[in-house]
Structures are given as C-alpha cells and as structure tokens.
Amino acid sequence: MITLLRVDDRLIHGQVAMTWTSYLSANVIVVANDKYAKDPFLQMALNLAKPPGVALNIVTKDEAVKFCNDPANDSSKIFIVVETTDDAVMMAENIPGIKEAVLGGIRKAEGRVQMERQVFLSRHDIDNAEKIDALGKKVSVQVVPSDKELSLADMKKIYSRKSN
C-alpha cells in the first residue's frame, strides 16, 4: 500500500525520516531518484538519515514504479520520496496506488514563489500539481503533518498574488 508520495528536494532528512515516516506508520521508504540510485556515496548518506526499523530502497524512477506496482509489496506501507514535481508527475501517472502527493520541501530559486516555510513553487510546479490533481490524486503543500495543508486552489491563489 502506498501511504504517500512526497516531493522534497533534500529527499531524506529529519522531517522525512522521523516525522512523516512515523506519522504514516511507513515500514518502507522508496527514494525514486536516478542520480542517487547510481551513486553509492549518496546512498550511504541517505541510509544514515533513515529511521531504524524502516527499509530504505534507493532506486531509479523506473525501478520505483515496478517495486510499487508489484503485488508482492502490497502488504508494505510504502512512503515514496522524489526530488521534483516532474518526478512526482511520473510516479502519479505510473503508480495507480498513489492517492495523495504532498509538496513539502522545495528550495527557493529564481521564478519560485514562497507557499510555506521551506516550500517555493514555480509556475511549472503549479502546472505539475494540476496534472497530479487531474489524475484524481489529492495534491497539497504541507511541510510536516502538524502544519496546515494548502490545497491546489490555495497554491494557485498564492502564486497569482505573489508572482505579479
């Protein structure tokens, strides 16, 4: 079972490793990232950040799709973490079990507007959120589970107000 798809450009860190994993009661974290899947040093860093007792699979995006769609993993509580909203769209399009996507850690950059602390979205990110929504999946901005969620409508309103 897929518990959540999260976009976080830092992938695994305190909020993901402890707060979200515990909140979701996830027993498997899937990091779907082609660069990390091919780099043992980067994998080692993520392994150091993972919570004890939780399996960590650092795989390519294609391998993540196969893993998450494999019926043998249906009894696992899988928490998928990706780096970008483009990655989130790819996961949402290819993994029917994803019901919800949370945009939670996207750094400030040129052309991005602050939605929440630690979450900055570009027009492209908003477009991607709309694609995920169009697939019938809930999409929101939320840094940690105890924070208020921003809906897609909220994101669009904030972006429109702050980008002008």
N, C-alpha and C. Protein backbone atom coordinates (compact mmCIF):
# COMPACT_ATOMS: atom_id res chain seq x y z
N MET A 1 0.84 -1.17 0.00
CA MET A 1 0.00 0.00 0.00
C MET A 1 0.89 1.24 0.00
N ILE A 2 0.54 2.20 -0.84
CA ILE A 2 1.28 3.46 -0.88
C ILE A 2 0.65 4.40 0.14
N THR A 3 1.45 4.86 1.10
CA THR A 3 0.92 5.76 2.12
C THR A 3 0.95 7.21 1.67
N LEU A 4 1.98 7.59 0.89
CA LEU A 4 2.11 8.98 0.46
C LEU A 4 3.23 9.11 -0.57
N LEU A 5 3.07 10.06 -1.47
CA LEU A 5 4.13 10.49 -2.38
C LEU A 5 4.51 11.89 -1.93
N ARG A 6 5.78 12.10 -1.64
CA ARG A 6 6.24 13.41 -1.17
C ARG A 6 7.33 13.94 -2.08
N VAL A 7 7.24 15.23 -2.42
CA VAL A 7 8.30 15.92 -3.15
C VAL A 7 9.12 16.67 -2.11
N ASP A 8 10.40 16.35 -2.07
CA ASP A 8 11.32 17.02 -1.15
C ASP A 8 12.69 17.00 -1.79
N ASP A 9 13.22 18.16 -2.13
CA ASP A 9 14.48 18.19 -2.86
C ASP A 9 15.68 17.74 -2.02
N ARG A 10 15.48 17.58 -0.72
CA ARG A 10 16.55 17.03 0.13
C ARG A 10 16.39 15.52 0.32
N LEU A 11 15.31 14.97 -0.21
CA LEU A 11 14.98 13.55 -0.12
C LEU A 11 14.79 13.12 1.32
N ILE A 12 15.80 12.57 1.99
CA ILE A 12 15.62 12.11 3.37
C ILE A 12 16.41 13.01 4.31
N HIS A 13 15.71 13.54 5.30
CA HIS A 13 16.29 14.37 6.36
C HIS A 13 15.34 14.24 7.54
N GLY A 14 15.51 15.00 8.58
CA GLY A 14 14.72 14.84 9.80
C GLY A 14 13.22 14.78 9.61
N GLN A 15 12.67 15.74 8.84
CA GLN A 15 11.22 15.78 8.65
C GLN A 15 10.71 14.52 7.95
N VAL A 16 11.42 14.09 6.95
CA VAL A 16 11.00 12.90 6.22
C VAL A 16 11.27 11.66 7.06
N ALA A 17 12.49 11.55 7.55
CA ALA A 17 12.91 10.33 8.24
C ALA A 17 12.10 10.07 9.50
N MET A 18 11.91 11.08 10.29
CA MET A 18 11.25 10.83 11.57
C MET A 18 9.77 11.23 11.55
N THR A 19 9.49 12.47 11.25
CA THR A 19 8.12 12.97 11.38
C THR A 19 7.15 12.28 10.43
N TRP A 20 7.42 12.33 9.12
CA TRP A 20 6.49 11.76 8.16
C TRP A 20 6.43 10.23 8.24
N THR A 21 7.58 9.59 8.34
CA THR A 21 7.60 8.13 8.38
C THR A 21 6.81 7.62 9.57
N SER A 22 7.00 8.25 10.72
CA SER A 22 6.27 7.86 11.93
C SER A 22 4.78 8.15 11.78
N TYR A 23 4.44 9.33 11.30
CA TYR A 23 3.04 9.72 11.11
C TYR A 23 2.31 8.75 10.19
N LEU A 24 2.98 8.31 9.14
CA LEU A 24 2.37 7.40 8.15
C LEU A 24 2.44 5.93 8.58
N SER A 25 3.19 5.63 9.63
CA SER A 25 3.48 4.25 10.04
C SER A 25 4.09 3.46 8.88
N ALA A 26 4.89 4.15 8.07
CA ALA A 26 5.53 3.51 6.91
C ALA A 26 6.62 2.56 7.38
N ASN A 27 6.73 1.41 6.70
CA ASN A 27 7.83 0.50 7.02
C ASN A 27 8.82 0.38 5.86
N VAL A 28 8.51 1.08 4.75
CA VAL A 28 9.42 1.13 3.60
C VAL A 28 9.43 2.56 3.05
N ILE A 29 10.62 3.11 2.89
CA ILE A 29 10.77 4.38 2.19
C ILE A 29 11.40 4.06 0.83
N VAL A 30 10.76 4.53 -0.23
CA VAL A 30 11.31 4.38 -1.57
C VAL A 30 11.75 5.75 -2.03
N VAL A 31 13.05 5.91 -2.22
CA VAL A 31 13.59 7.13 -2.81
C VAL A 31 13.74 6.85 -4.29
N ALA A 32 12.92 7.52 -5.10
CA ALA A 32 12.94 7.33 -6.55
C ALA A 32 13.76 8.46 -7.17
N ASN A 33 15.03 8.16 -7.41
CA ASN A 33 15.95 9.19 -7.91
C ASN A 33 17.06 8.52 -8.69
N ASP A 34 17.14 8.80 -9.97
CA ASP A 34 18.12 8.14 -10.84
C ASP A 34 19.56 8.43 -10.41
N LYS A 35 19.85 9.66 -10.00
CA LYS A 35 21.22 10.03 -9.60
C LYS A 35 21.65 9.28 -8.33
N TYR A 36 20.80 9.28 -7.32
CA TYR A 36 21.14 8.61 -6.06
C TYR A 36 21.21 7.10 -6.24
N ALA A 37 20.37 6.56 -7.11
CA ALA A 37 20.36 5.11 -7.34
C ALA A 37 21.68 4.60 -7.91
N LYS A 38 22.44 5.49 -8.53
CA LYS A 38 23.69 5.09 -9.18
C LYS A 38 24.95 5.52 -8.40
N ASP A 39 24.77 6.16 -7.25
CA ASP A 39 25.91 6.70 -6.52
C ASP A 39 25.97 6.13 -5.09
N PRO A 40 26.89 5.20 -4.84
CA PRO A 40 26.98 4.57 -3.51
C PRO A 40 27.25 5.58 -2.38
N PHE A 41 27.99 6.64 -2.65
CA PHE A 41 28.26 7.64 -1.61
C PHE A 41 26.98 8.37 -1.20
N LEU A 42 26.19 8.78 -2.19
CA LEU A 42 24.91 9.45 -1.89
C LEU A 42 23.96 8.50 -1.18
N GLN A 43 23.97 7.23 -1.57
CA GLN A 43 23.13 6.23 -0.91
C GLN A 43 23.52 6.08 0.56
N MET A 44 24.82 6.09 0.81
CA MET A 44 25.29 5.96 2.19
C MET A 44 24.77 7.12 3.05
N ALA A 45 24.79 8.32 2.50
CA ALA A 45 24.30 9.49 3.24
C ALA A 45 22.81 9.34 3.57
N LEU A 46 22.02 8.89 2.61
CA LEU A 46 20.59 8.70 2.87
C LEU A 46 20.35 7.58 3.89
N ASN A 47 21.14 6.53 3.81
CA ASN A 47 21.00 5.42 4.77
C ASN A 47 21.26 5.88 6.19
N LEU A 48 22.18 6.82 6.37
CA LEU A 48 22.47 7.34 7.70
C LEU A 48 21.29 8.11 8.27
N ALA A 49 20.48 8.70 7.40
CA ALA A 49 19.35 9.54 7.84
C ALA A 49 18.06 8.75 8.07
N LYS A 50 18.01 7.52 7.59
CA LYS A 50 16.75 6.77 7.69
C LYS A 50 16.49 6.32 9.13
N PRO A 51 15.22 6.23 9.50
CA PRO A 51 14.90 5.77 10.84
C PRO A 51 15.18 4.28 11.01
N PRO A 52 15.54 3.85 12.22
CA PRO A 52 15.78 2.42 12.45
C PRO A 52 14.48 1.64 12.27
N GLY A 53 14.62 0.42 11.76
CA GLY A 53 13.46 -0.45 11.60
C GLY A 53 12.65 -0.18 10.34
N VAL A 54 13.09 0.76 9.53
CA VAL A 54 12.39 1.08 8.29
C VAL A 54 13.31 0.72 7.13
N ALA A 55 12.79 -0.03 6.18
CA ALA A 55 13.58 -0.39 5.00
C ALA A 55 13.70 0.83 4.08
N LEU A 56 14.84 0.96 3.44
CA LEU A 56 15.07 2.06 2.51
C LEU A 56 15.49 1.48 1.17
N ASN A 57 14.72 1.80 0.14
CA ASN A 57 15.05 1.39 -1.22
C ASN A 57 15.38 2.66 -2.01
N ILE A 58 16.62 2.77 -2.45
CA ILE A 58 17.04 3.91 -3.27
C ILE A 58 17.19 3.36 -4.68
N VAL A 59 16.23 3.72 -5.53
CA VAL A 59 16.14 3.11 -6.85
C VAL A 59 15.86 4.17 -7.92
N THR A 60 16.04 3.77 -9.17
CA THR A 60 15.68 4.68 -10.26
C THR A 60 14.17 4.86 -10.26
N LYS A 61 13.72 5.87 -10.97
CA LYS A 61 12.27 6.10 -11.05
C LYS A 61 11.56 4.90 -11.68
N ASP A 62 12.14 4.33 -12.72
CA ASP A 62 11.53 3.16 -13.36
C ASP A 62 11.46 1.97 -12.40
N GLU A 63 12.53 1.76 -11.64
CA GLU A 63 12.54 0.66 -10.66
C GLU A 63 11.52 0.92 -9.55
N ALA A 64 11.34 2.18 -9.17
CA ALA A 64 10.34 2.53 -8.14
C ALA A 64 8.94 2.18 -8.62
N VAL A 65 8.66 2.47 -9.88
CA VAL A 65 7.34 2.14 -10.45
C VAL A 65 7.12 0.63 -10.38
N LYS A 66 8.13 -0.15 -10.79
CA LYS A 66 8.00 -1.61 -10.75
C LYS A 66 7.79 -2.10 -9.32
N PHE A 67 8.60 -1.60 -8.39
CA PHE A 67 8.51 -2.01 -6.99
C PHE A 67 7.13 -1.70 -6.40
N CYS A 68 6.67 -0.49 -6.62
CA CYS A 68 5.40 -0.05 -6.02
C CYS A 68 4.19 -0.73 -6.65
N ASN A 69 4.32 -1.17 -7.89
CA ASN A 69 3.21 -1.86 -8.55
C ASN A 69 3.26 -3.38 -8.39
N ASP A 70 4.31 -3.89 -7.76
CA ASP A 70 4.46 -5.33 -7.57
C ASP A 70 3.51 -5.80 -6.46
N PRO A 71 2.59 -6.70 -6.77
CA PRO A 71 1.65 -7.20 -5.76
C PRO A 71 2.34 -7.80 -4.53
N ALA A 72 3.57 -8.25 -4.69
CA ALA A 72 4.31 -8.82 -3.56
C ALA A 72 4.56 -7.76 -2.47
N ASN A 73 4.47 -6.48 -2.82
CA ASN A 73 4.72 -5.40 -1.86
C ASN A 73 3.44 -4.77 -1.32
N ASP A 74 2.28 -5.37 -1.65
CA ASP A 74 1.00 -4.80 -1.23
C ASP A 74 0.84 -4.70 0.29
N SER A 75 1.47 -5.59 1.04
CA SER A 75 1.31 -5.56 2.49
C SER A 75 2.24 -4.55 3.16
N SER A 76 3.18 -4.00 2.42
CA SER A 76 4.08 -2.97 2.97
C SER A 76 3.38 -1.62 2.98
N LYS A 77 3.80 -0.77 3.90
CA LYS A 77 3.32 0.62 3.93
C LYS A 77 4.44 1.47 3.33
N ILE A 78 4.28 1.81 2.05
CA ILE A 78 5.35 2.43 1.27
C ILE A 78 5.18 3.95 1.22
N PHE A 79 6.23 4.64 1.57
CA PHE A 79 6.33 6.09 1.53
C PHE A 79 7.32 6.43 0.42
N ILE A 80 6.82 7.06 -0.65
CA ILE A 80 7.67 7.39 -1.80
C ILE A 80 8.14 8.84 -1.68
N VAL A 81 9.45 9.04 -1.88
CA VAL A 81 10.02 10.39 -1.84
C VAL A 81 10.73 10.65 -3.16
N VAL A 82 10.40 11.79 -3.78
CA VAL A 82 11.04 12.20 -5.02
C VAL A 82 11.58 13.61 -4.86
N GLU A 83 12.44 14.00 -5.80
CA GLU A 83 13.14 15.29 -5.69
C GLU A 83 12.38 16.46 -6.31
N THR A 84 11.62 16.20 -7.38
CA THR A 84 10.98 17.30 -8.12
C THR A 84 9.51 17.00 -8.41
N THR A 85 8.80 18.05 -8.80
CA THR A 85 7.40 17.84 -9.18
C THR A 85 7.31 17.07 -10.50
N ASP A 86 8.33 17.18 -11.36
CA ASP A 86 8.35 16.36 -12.58
C ASP A 86 8.38 14.88 -12.21
N ASP A 87 9.23 14.54 -11.23
CA ASP A 87 9.30 13.16 -10.75
C ASP A 87 7.96 12.72 -10.17
N ALA A 88 7.30 13.62 -9.44
CA ALA A 88 6.01 13.29 -8.83
C ALA A 88 4.96 12.99 -9.89
N VAL A 89 4.96 13.76 -10.96
CA VAL A 89 4.01 13.51 -12.05
C VAL A 89 4.26 12.12 -12.64
N MET A 90 5.53 11.80 -12.87
CA MET A 90 5.87 10.50 -13.45
C MET A 90 5.38 9.36 -12.53
N MET A 91 5.60 9.51 -11.22
CA MET A 91 5.15 8.49 -10.27
C MET A 91 3.62 8.41 -10.28
N ALA A 92 2.95 9.56 -10.22
CA ALA A 92 1.49 9.59 -10.16
C ALA A 92 0.86 8.99 -11.41
N GLU A 93 1.48 9.19 -12.57
CA GLU A 93 0.96 8.64 -13.81
C GLU A 93 1.14 7.13 -13.91
N ASN A 94 2.14 6.60 -13.23
CA ASN A 94 2.51 5.19 -13.42
C ASN A 94 2.25 4.27 -12.23
N ILE A 95 1.83 4.84 -11.10
CA ILE A 95 1.55 4.01 -9.91
C ILE A 95 0.11 4.29 -9.47
N PRO A 96 -0.81 3.43 -9.87
CA PRO A 96 -2.23 3.64 -9.52
C PRO A 96 -2.48 3.73 -8.01
N GLY A 97 -1.64 3.07 -7.20
CA GLY A 97 -1.84 3.06 -5.76
C GLY A 97 -1.58 4.39 -5.06
N ILE A 98 -1.01 5.34 -5.76
CA ILE A 98 -0.79 6.66 -5.16
C ILE A 98 -2.12 7.39 -5.11
N LYS A 99 -2.51 7.81 -3.92
CA LYS A 99 -3.75 8.55 -3.74
C LYS A 99 -3.50 10.01 -3.39
N GLU A 100 -2.28 10.29 -2.88
CA GLU A 100 -2.00 11.64 -2.39
C GLU A 100 -0.54 12.00 -2.62
N ALA A 101 -0.34 13.26 -3.02
CA ALA A 101 1.01 13.81 -3.18
C ALA A 101 1.13 15.08 -2.35
N VAL A 102 2.22 15.17 -1.61
CA VAL A 102 2.48 16.36 -0.79
C VAL A 102 3.76 17.01 -1.27
N LEU A 103 3.66 18.30 -1.58
CA LEU A 103 4.84 19.08 -1.93
C LEU A 103 5.35 19.67 -0.61
N GLY A 104 6.52 19.21 -0.19
CA GLY A 104 6.91 19.55 1.16
C GLY A 104 8.24 20.21 1.37
N GLY A 105 9.16 20.09 0.48
CA GLY A 105 10.47 20.71 0.67
C GLY A 105 11.07 21.07 -0.67
N ILE A 106 10.77 22.26 -1.15
CA ILE A 106 11.30 22.70 -2.43
C ILE A 106 11.94 24.06 -2.20
N ARG A 107 13.25 24.11 -2.40
CA ARG A 107 14.01 25.32 -2.06
C ARG A 107 13.71 26.52 -2.95
N LYS A 108 14.03 27.66 -2.37
CA LYS A 108 13.90 28.94 -3.08
C LYS A 108 14.83 28.95 -4.28
N ALA A 109 14.32 29.43 -5.41
CA ALA A 109 15.11 29.58 -6.63
C ALA A 109 14.45 30.63 -7.50
N GLU A 110 15.15 31.05 -8.49
CA GLU A 110 14.63 32.05 -9.44
C GLU A 110 13.29 31.58 -10.01
N GLY A 111 12.30 32.46 -9.98
CA GLY A 111 11.00 32.14 -10.54
C GLY A 111 10.07 31.37 -9.62
N ARG A 112 10.52 31.09 -8.41
CA ARG A 112 9.67 30.38 -7.45
C ARG A 112 9.09 31.36 -6.43
N VAL A 113 7.91 31.05 -5.98
CA VAL A 113 7.18 31.87 -5.02
C VAL A 113 7.00 31.06 -3.73
N GLN A 114 7.19 31.72 -2.59
CA GLN A 114 7.06 31.02 -1.31
C GLN A 114 5.59 30.72 -1.00
N MET A 115 5.31 29.44 -0.79
CA MET A 115 3.98 28.99 -0.40
C MET A 115 3.88 28.87 1.12
N GLU A 116 4.89 28.28 1.68
CA GLU A 116 5.02 27.98 3.10
C GLU A 116 6.50 28.04 3.41
N ARG A 117 6.83 27.99 4.69
CA ARG A 117 8.25 27.91 5.01
C ARG A 117 8.80 26.67 4.31
N GLN A 118 9.92 26.78 3.68
CA GLN A 118 10.61 25.67 3.01
C GLN A 118 9.93 25.16 1.73
N VAL A 119 8.88 25.82 1.27
CA VAL A 119 8.22 25.37 0.04
C VAL A 119 8.05 26.56 -0.90
N PHE A 120 8.78 26.50 -2.00
CA PHE A 120 8.75 27.54 -3.03
C PHE A 120 8.38 26.87 -4.36
N LEU A 121 7.36 27.37 -5.03
CA LEU A 121 6.89 26.75 -6.26
C LEU A 121 6.96 27.71 -7.44
N SER A 122 7.31 27.14 -8.59
CA SER A 122 7.32 27.88 -9.85
C SER A 122 5.98 27.65 -10.57
N ARG A 123 5.77 28.35 -11.64
CA ARG A 123 4.57 28.11 -12.47
C ARG A 123 4.57 26.66 -12.96
N HIS A 124 5.76 26.16 -13.31
CA HIS A 124 5.89 24.77 -13.76
C HIS A 124 5.45 23.78 -12.66
N ASP A 125 5.84 24.06 -11.41
CA ASP A 125 5.44 23.21 -10.29
C ASP A 125 3.92 23.23 -10.10
N ILE A 126 3.31 24.40 -10.24
CA ILE A 126 1.84 24.51 -10.13
C ILE A 126 1.18 23.71 -11.26
N ASP A 127 1.73 23.83 -12.47
CA ASP A 127 1.21 23.05 -13.60
C ASP A 127 1.30 21.55 -13.31
N ASN A 128 2.42 21.13 -12.72
CA ASN A 128 2.58 19.71 -12.37
C ASN A 128 1.58 19.29 -11.30
N ALA A 129 1.33 20.16 -10.33
CA ALA A 129 0.33 19.87 -9.29
C ALA A 129 -1.04 19.69 -9.94
N GLU A 130 -1.33 20.50 -10.95
CA GLU A 130 -2.61 20.37 -11.67
C GLU A 130 -2.68 19.03 -12.41
N LYS A 131 -1.56 18.58 -12.96
CA LYS A 131 -1.53 17.28 -13.65
C LYS A 131 -1.82 16.15 -12.67
N ILE A 132 -1.23 16.23 -11.49
CA ILE A 132 -1.45 15.20 -10.47
C ILE A 132 -2.92 15.22 -10.04
N ASP A 133 -3.46 16.40 -9.83
CA ASP A 133 -4.86 16.55 -9.47
C ASP A 133 -5.78 15.97 -10.55
N ALA A 134 -5.44 16.23 -11.81
CA ALA A 134 -6.25 15.74 -12.94
C ALA A 134 -6.26 14.21 -13.01
N LEU A 135 -5.27 13.57 -12.38
CA LEU A 135 -5.23 12.11 -12.32
C LEU A 135 -6.12 11.57 -11.20
N GLY A 136 -6.79 12.47 -10.48
CA GLY A 136 -7.68 12.06 -9.40
C GLY A 136 -6.97 11.84 -8.08
N LYS A 137 -5.78 12.42 -7.96
CA LYS A 137 -5.00 12.26 -6.73
C LYS A 137 -4.98 13.59 -5.97
N LYS A 138 -5.09 13.51 -4.68
CA LYS A 138 -5.05 14.72 -3.86
C LYS A 138 -3.64 15.29 -3.91
N VAL A 139 -3.51 16.59 -4.04
CA VAL A 139 -2.20 17.23 -4.04
C VAL A 139 -2.27 18.45 -3.13
N SER A 140 -1.24 18.60 -2.29
CA SER A 140 -1.23 19.72 -1.35
C SER A 140 0.21 20.10 -1.01
N VAL A 141 0.33 21.24 -0.33
CA VAL A 141 1.60 21.67 0.24
C VAL A 141 1.48 21.47 1.74
N GLN A 142 2.48 20.80 2.33
CA GLN A 142 2.49 20.61 3.78
C GLN A 142 3.91 20.23 4.18
N VAL A 143 4.51 21.02 5.05
CA VAL A 143 5.89 20.76 5.46
C VAL A 143 5.96 19.56 6.40
N VAL A 144 5.17 19.58 7.45
CA VAL A 144 5.09 18.45 8.39
C VAL A 144 3.60 18.16 8.66
N PRO A 145 3.28 16.97 9.13
CA PRO A 145 1.88 16.60 9.31
C PRO A 145 1.08 17.54 10.21
N SER A 146 1.73 18.17 11.17
CA SER A 146 1.00 19.06 12.09
C SER A 146 0.73 20.44 11.49
N ASP A 147 1.35 20.76 10.34
CA ASP A 147 1.10 22.03 9.67
C ASP A 147 -0.21 21.99 8.90
N LYS A 148 -0.77 23.16 8.69
CA LYS A 148 -1.97 23.29 7.85
C LYS A 148 -1.61 22.91 6.42
N GLU A 149 -2.52 22.22 5.76
CA GLU A 149 -2.33 21.87 4.35
C GLU A 149 -2.80 23.03 3.47
N LEU A 150 -2.05 23.25 2.40
CA LEU A 150 -2.50 24.19 1.37
C LEU A 150 -3.00 23.36 0.19
N SER A 151 -4.21 23.62 -0.24
CA SER A 151 -4.79 22.89 -1.37
C SER A 151 -4.22 23.44 -2.68
N LEU A 152 -4.55 22.78 -3.77
CA LEU A 152 -4.15 23.26 -5.09
C LEU A 152 -4.71 24.66 -5.32
N ALA A 153 -5.96 24.89 -4.94
CA ALA A 153 -6.56 26.22 -5.10
C ALA A 153 -5.78 27.26 -4.30
N ASP A 154 -5.36 26.90 -3.08
CA ASP A 154 -4.54 27.81 -2.27
C ASP A 154 -3.22 28.12 -2.97
N MET A 155 -2.57 27.07 -3.51
CA MET A 155 -1.29 27.26 -4.21
C MET A 155 -1.44 28.24 -5.36
N LYS A 156 -2.49 28.06 -6.15
CA LYS A 156 -2.71 28.91 -7.31
C LYS A 156 -2.97 30.36 -6.89
N LYS A 157 -3.75 30.52 -5.82
CA LYS A 157 -4.08 31.85 -5.31
C LYS A 157 -2.80 32.56 -4.83
N ILE A 158 -2.00 31.86 -4.04
CA ILE A 158 -0.76 32.44 -3.51
C ILE A 158 0.20 32.76 -4.65
N TYR A 159 0.33 31.83 -5.59
CA TYR A 159 1.24 32.06 -6.71
C TYR A 159 0.81 33.29 -7.52
N SER A 160 -0.46 33.38 -7.79
CA SER A 160 -1.00 34.50 -8.57
C SER A 160 -0.75 35.82 -7.85
N ARG A 161 -1.00 35.84 -6.56
CA ARG A 161 -0.83 37.07 -5.76
C ARG A 161 0.64 37.49 -5.66
N LYS A 162 1.53 36.53 -5.45
CA LYS A 162 2.94 36.87 -5.20
C LYS A 162 3.80 36.97 -6.46
N SER A 163 3.34 36.43 -7.56
CA SER A 163 4.18 36.45 -8.77
C SER A 163 3.97 37.72 -9.59
N ASN A 164 3.02 38.53 -9.25
CA ASN A 164 2.76 39.77 -10.01
C ASN A 164 3.49 40.94 -9.43
